[in-house]
Amino acid sequence: MTHDIRNANNVSGIYADLMLDLLEGTEKTYARKLHDSIARSTEILMNVATIRRIHTRSAGLSPVDLNAIVREEIRSFRGASIRQEVPPFEVLADNLLPTIFTNLIGNSVKFGSPDVEIVVRAEERDDEVLVSVEDNGPGVPDDVKEKLFNRFERGKARGRGDGLGLFICRTLTERYGGRIWIEDRLRGCPGEGAAFRFTLKLAERDRDLQNDRRGPRPPGPVQAASDSIPG
């Protein structure tokens, strides 16, 4: 059903695009609202499909190239000003990890101004990687920060989005053994941009920990040395 509805939305979106090209004035405004409504419907369907995949698939985690994931997701936001500062870390995740970046970067683009600037950073902290998606947009008020990752919470932007994107980010982060939160981009200045931060486990450290738990490997067979007889 999700696939069929998405196809119907795609067709409706094509006609809405044609109307935007053909109409002017008030009629074009209505066409724009129709176009945006179809886009929101498609976003809701994608989020519902992601939630279904989370609950129907076991969390089989494996090493994932974080730099490659971020680089690929940034390509999806053509025209946006996004800078990447992500070393070649391998983290424990699955093929749903890109969804976190899709939602966080998309959130910055959606609620920021047309010239919003976004930075994706990652740094090693003990046995984890701290990932940050920062922007210089309108920021998030302090009274909204704590509840924004709850299901169907939309923050201060009523009527925009479905309130599921950040909930999915939290669900996936916890699935990978990490946590996610929001800070001000500039400490104490909530109106100067937001910084979404989350942690992921390093794959190499996890393998080392597993090896430590197994203990030292038993010695292999020792070949007896033959006695040398002086000639």
Protein backbone atom coordinates (compact mmCIF):
# COMPACT_ATOMS: atom_id res chain seq x y z
CA MET A 1 0.00 0.00 0.00
CA THR A 2 2.85 2.37 0.86
CA HIS A 3 4.42 1.73 -2.55
CA ASP A 4 1.11 2.34 -4.38
CA ILE A 5 0.38 5.56 -2.50
CA ARG A 6 3.92 6.82 -3.16
CA ASN A 7 3.45 6.19 -6.90
CA ALA A 8 0.17 8.12 -6.84
CA ASN A 9 1.93 10.98 -5.03
CA ASN A 10 4.67 11.02 -7.67
CA VAL A 11 2.10 11.43 -10.44
CA SER A 12 0.29 14.16 -8.49
CA GLY A 13 3.62 15.89 -7.91
CA ILE A 14 4.36 15.94 -11.65
CA TYR A 15 1.02 17.65 -12.37
CA ALA A 16 1.62 20.11 -9.52
CA ASP A 17 5.00 21.00 -11.07
CA LEU A 18 3.30 21.64 -14.43
CA MET A 19 0.74 23.87 -12.74
CA LEU A 20 3.52 25.87 -11.08
CA ASP A 21 5.07 26.49 -14.50
CA LEU A 22 1.79 27.49 -16.14
CA LEU A 23 0.02 29.55 -13.48
CA GLU A 24 0.63 33.03 -12.09
CA GLY A 25 -0.57 35.09 -9.13
CA THR A 26 -3.06 33.62 -6.70
CA GLU A 27 -3.48 30.43 -8.73
CA LYS A 28 0.27 29.78 -8.54
CA THR A 29 0.14 30.22 -4.76
CA TYR A 30 -2.52 27.51 -4.56
CA ALA A 31 -0.43 25.25 -6.80
CA ARG A 32 2.57 25.80 -4.52
CA LYS A 33 0.53 24.78 -1.47
CA LEU A 34 -0.66 21.67 -3.35
CA HIS A 35 2.93 20.81 -4.28
CA ASP A 36 4.13 21.22 -0.67
CA SER A 37 1.25 19.12 0.65
CA ILE A 38 2.13 16.26 -1.71
CA ALA A 39 5.77 16.48 -0.64
CA ARG A 40 4.75 16.24 3.04
CA SER A 41 2.58 13.23 2.27
CA THR A 42 5.52 11.50 0.58
CA GLU A 43 7.75 12.31 3.57
CA ILE A 44 5.21 10.77 5.95
CA LEU A 45 5.08 7.61 3.86
CA MET A 46 8.87 7.32 3.87
CA ASN A 47 8.98 7.74 7.65
CA VAL A 48 6.26 5.14 8.18
CA ALA A 49 8.15 2.71 5.93
CA THR A 50 11.33 3.34 7.92
CA ILE A 51 9.58 2.68 11.25
CA ARG A 52 8.19 -0.57 9.84
CA ARG A 53 11.69 -1.64 8.75
CA ILE A 54 13.08 -0.83 12.20
CA HIS A 55 10.51 -3.02 13.93
CA THR A 56 10.62 -5.92 11.47
CA ARG A 57 14.38 -6.28 11.12
CA SER A 58 16.77 -7.51 13.77
CA ALA A 59 19.60 -5.17 14.70
CA GLY A 60 22.41 -6.99 12.92
CA LEU A 61 25.15 -4.38 13.18
CA SER A 62 28.35 -4.39 11.16
CA PRO A 63 31.18 -1.93 10.35
CA VAL A 64 30.01 0.98 8.18
CA ASP A 65 32.13 3.71 6.56
CA LEU A 66 30.80 6.88 8.19
CA ASN A 67 32.59 9.24 5.80
CA ALA A 68 31.08 7.53 2.75
CA ILE A 69 27.57 7.62 4.25
CA VAL A 70 27.75 11.36 4.97
CA ARG A 71 29.27 12.14 1.57
CA GLU A 72 26.48 10.28 -0.23
CA GLU A 73 23.72 11.92 1.81
CA ILE A 74 25.08 15.41 1.19
CA ARG A 75 24.78 14.78 -2.57
CA SER A 76 21.02 14.42 -2.08
CA PHE A 77 20.69 18.07 -0.97
CA ARG A 78 21.68 19.87 -4.14
CA GLY A 79 21.96 23.62 -3.77
CA ALA A 80 22.37 23.49 0.03
CA SER A 81 25.55 24.85 1.63
CA ILE A 82 26.92 21.81 3.51
CA ARG A 83 30.48 21.30 4.72
CA GLN A 84 31.76 17.89 5.78
CA GLU A 85 34.42 17.31 8.44
CA VAL A 86 34.18 13.55 8.92
CA PRO A 87 37.33 11.39 9.18
CA PRO A 88 37.23 7.83 7.74
CA PHE A 89 35.72 6.20 10.85
CA GLU A 90 34.15 2.76 10.80
CA VAL A 91 31.12 2.60 13.10
CA LEU A 92 28.70 -0.14 14.08
CA ALA A 93 25.37 0.35 12.28
CA ASP A 94 23.21 -1.06 9.48
CA ASN A 95 21.76 0.18 6.20
CA LEU A 96 19.33 2.48 8.02
CA LEU A 97 22.11 4.78 9.24
CA PRO A 98 21.73 7.18 6.25
CA THR A 99 18.19 7.90 7.46
CA ILE A 100 19.59 9.78 10.46
CA PHE A 101 21.53 12.15 8.22
CA THR A 102 18.62 12.50 5.80
CA ASN A 103 16.39 13.67 8.64
CA LEU A 104 18.91 15.90 10.44
CA ILE A 105 20.24 17.64 7.32
CA GLY A 106 16.73 17.88 5.91
CA ASN A 107 15.57 19.43 9.17
CA SER A 108 18.23 22.16 8.88
CA VAL A 109 17.34 22.84 5.24
CA LYS A 110 13.59 22.88 5.94
CA PHE A 111 13.62 25.27 8.88
CA GLY A 112 16.64 27.38 7.96
CA SER A 113 16.67 30.30 5.57
CA PRO A 114 17.53 29.69 1.87
CA ASP A 115 21.16 30.56 2.63
CA VAL A 116 21.47 28.39 5.76
CA GLU A 117 24.94 26.92 6.29
CA ILE A 118 25.31 23.37 7.59
CA VAL A 119 28.35 21.55 8.95
CA VAL A 120 28.57 17.79 9.58
CA ARG A 121 31.41 16.90 11.95
CA ALA A 122 32.67 13.73 13.61
CA GLU A 123 35.36 13.17 16.23
CA GLU A 124 36.54 10.26 18.35
CA ARG A 125 35.57 10.25 22.02
CA ASP A 126 36.90 7.27 23.98
CA ASP A 127 35.28 4.21 22.35
CA GLU A 128 32.66 6.28 20.49
CA VAL A 129 32.33 8.71 17.62
CA LEU A 130 30.56 11.99 18.37
CA VAL A 131 28.69 13.21 15.28
CA SER A 132 27.32 16.76 15.00
CA VAL A 133 25.00 18.31 12.43
CA GLU A 134 25.15 22.06 13.01
CA ASP A 135 23.41 24.95 11.25
CA ASN A 136 23.10 28.72 11.60
CA GLY A 137 19.32 28.69 11.29
CA PRO A 138 16.70 29.89 13.80
CA GLY A 139 17.74 27.40 16.49
CA VAL A 140 15.59 25.45 18.96
CA PRO A 141 14.14 27.06 22.14
CA ASP A 142 15.24 25.54 25.44
CA ASP A 143 11.70 24.47 26.37
CA VAL A 144 11.44 22.42 23.16
CA LYS A 145 14.83 20.66 23.20
CA GLU A 146 13.90 17.88 25.62
CA LYS A 147 10.64 16.81 23.94
CA LEU A 148 11.56 17.23 20.28
CA PHE A 149 12.60 13.58 19.84
CA ASN A 150 9.23 12.30 21.05
CA ARG A 151 6.85 10.89 18.48
CA PHE A 152 4.66 13.48 16.68
CA GLU A 153 6.39 16.46 18.31
CA ARG A 154 6.90 19.29 15.81
CA GLY A 155 8.55 21.89 17.99
CA LYS A 156 7.51 25.44 17.20
CA ALA A 157 6.88 24.84 13.50
CA ARG A 158 3.25 23.75 13.57
CA GLY A 159 1.91 22.33 10.33
CA ARG A 160 5.35 21.53 8.91
CA GLY A 161 6.60 17.97 8.92
CA ASP A 162 5.01 14.93 10.52
CA GLY A 163 6.83 14.88 13.86
CA LEU A 164 8.37 11.48 13.06
CA GLY A 165 11.78 12.35 11.61
CA LEU A 166 13.57 13.13 14.88
CA PHE A 167 11.77 10.28 16.64
CA ILE A 168 13.25 7.94 14.01
CA CYS A 169 16.70 9.47 14.61
CA ARG A 170 16.44 8.71 18.33
CA THR A 171 15.15 5.17 17.70
CA LEU A 172 18.00 4.36 15.32
CA THR A 173 20.68 5.93 17.52
CA GLU A 174 19.53 3.82 20.47
CA ARG A 175 19.44 0.78 18.17
CA TYR A 176 23.15 1.36 17.53
CA GLY A 177 23.96 1.73 21.23
CA GLY A 178 24.28 5.53 21.21
CA ARG A 179 22.27 8.58 22.24
CA ILE A 180 21.13 11.82 20.60
CA TRP A 181 20.45 15.34 21.88
CA ILE A 182 20.24 19.02 20.85
CA GLU A 183 22.47 21.89 21.86
CA ASP A 184 22.78 25.52 20.81
CA ARG A 185 25.34 25.98 18.05
CA LEU A 186 26.69 28.86 20.13
CA ARG A 187 26.43 28.08 23.84
CA GLY A 188 23.72 30.16 25.51
CA CYS A 189 22.40 31.58 22.20
CA PRO A 190 19.39 29.47 21.16
CA GLY A 191 18.51 31.86 18.34
CA GLU A 192 21.88 31.48 16.60
CA GLY A 193 21.47 27.98 15.24
CA ALA A 194 21.14 24.40 16.44
CA ALA A 195 23.59 21.52 16.89
CA PHE A 196 22.15 18.01 16.74
CA ARG A 197 24.65 15.59 18.27
CA PHE A 198 24.63 11.81 18.52
CA THR A 199 27.08 9.03 19.32
CA LEU A 200 27.99 5.84 17.49
CA LYS A 201 30.24 3.00 18.57
CA LEU A 202 33.58 2.53 16.86
CA ALA A 203 33.73 -0.79 15.02
CA GLU A 204 37.44 -1.35 15.70
CA ARG A 205 37.07 -0.77 19.43
CA ASP A 206 34.13 -3.16 19.53
CA ARG A 207 36.18 -5.89 17.87
CA ASP A 208 39.04 -5.29 20.30
CA LEU A 209 36.61 -5.54 23.23
CA GLN A 210 35.24 -8.83 21.93
CA ASN A 211 38.77 -10.20 21.57
CA ASP A 212 39.58 -9.14 25.15
CA ARG A 213 36.48 -10.95 26.42
CA ARG A 214 37.49 -14.14 24.61
CA GLY A 215 40.89 -14.05 26.30
CA PRO A 216 44.23 -14.99 24.81
CA ARG A 217 44.24 -17.56 22.07
CA PRO A 218 45.47 -21.02 23.09
CA PRO A 219 48.97 -21.78 21.87
CA GLY A 220 49.27 -23.78 18.70
CA PRO A 221 50.95 -27.17 18.49
CA VAL A 222 54.64 -27.02 19.36
CA GLN A 223 56.94 -28.88 17.07
CA ALA A 224 59.67 -30.71 19.01
CA ALA A 225 63.13 -29.69 18.02
CA SER A 226 65.37 -32.56 16.89
CA ASP A 227 68.59 -33.12 18.83
CA SER A 228 71.58 -32.05 16.88
CA ILE A 229 74.41 -34.52 16.76
CA PRO A 230 77.78 -32.99 16.29
CA GLY A 231 79.54 -34.32 13.28
